[in-house]
Structure formats: structure tokens, C-alpha cells
Amino acid sequence: MTASVQRELRLPIAPRSQTVDLLYRTLGDLLVPVEQVRERYFSNLNQDNFTRALTSGRVALPITTLDTSAKRPRFIDIRHLAIFIDTQADAADEELTNTQPQPEER
């Protein structure tokens, strides 16, 4: 029997339930239009730059569509948005921890 090479299964971290709950209460739906996410969380980017950031992976948010037509609406699942927000917050916490001077022991 030959050993087959399997691709590593990479599961995203689970979003914090509080983050998902707050996003749902704020945005009102499981799927949020891409433009609404851009306006609320990425207002520094215009529509073209935000699209480029999504397609290049600079902003790591998967796009969900419910149709195959060329003019299909594009959405972001709030669970993916919650993971993105939680990950960015954790990275900021880590950066702050690394930049703060360590207390001296006596």
C-alpha cells in the first residue's frame, strides 16, 4: 500500500460567542453586504481598494454569494468577521505586551 500525501486541514479558530452576538445585534443579519462592512469597519478604503484588499488577502475575509449570476450580491458572514476582529484584537494585545517594559524584580 502506498502512502498518499494529504493536504493539511486548516480549520479557522472559533469566533468568540460575545463577538458574534454583538455583531448580530449591530448588523442584524448573519450575512452582511460587503459594502456595509467596508463602510463600517474599513472606511479608510474606497470600494476599489477594499475589493483589492479582499482579493489579495490583505483583509482575510471570505466572500459569500448565494447566486451564480454576474451581478450577484456579495456578503461577509458575521462569524468570519468575528474571527477577523478577534484575531486583530489578539494581535494588538500581543503587540502591546511585547512593547511594554518588563517590571524589574527585587
Foldseek 3Di string as FASTA:
>chain_A
DDDDDDDDDDDADFFDPVQLVVCCVVQVDQWHFPVVCCVPPVVVDDPVRVVVCPVVCVQPFDWDFDDDDPPTTITTGSRSVRSSVVVVVVVVVVVVVVPDDDDDDD
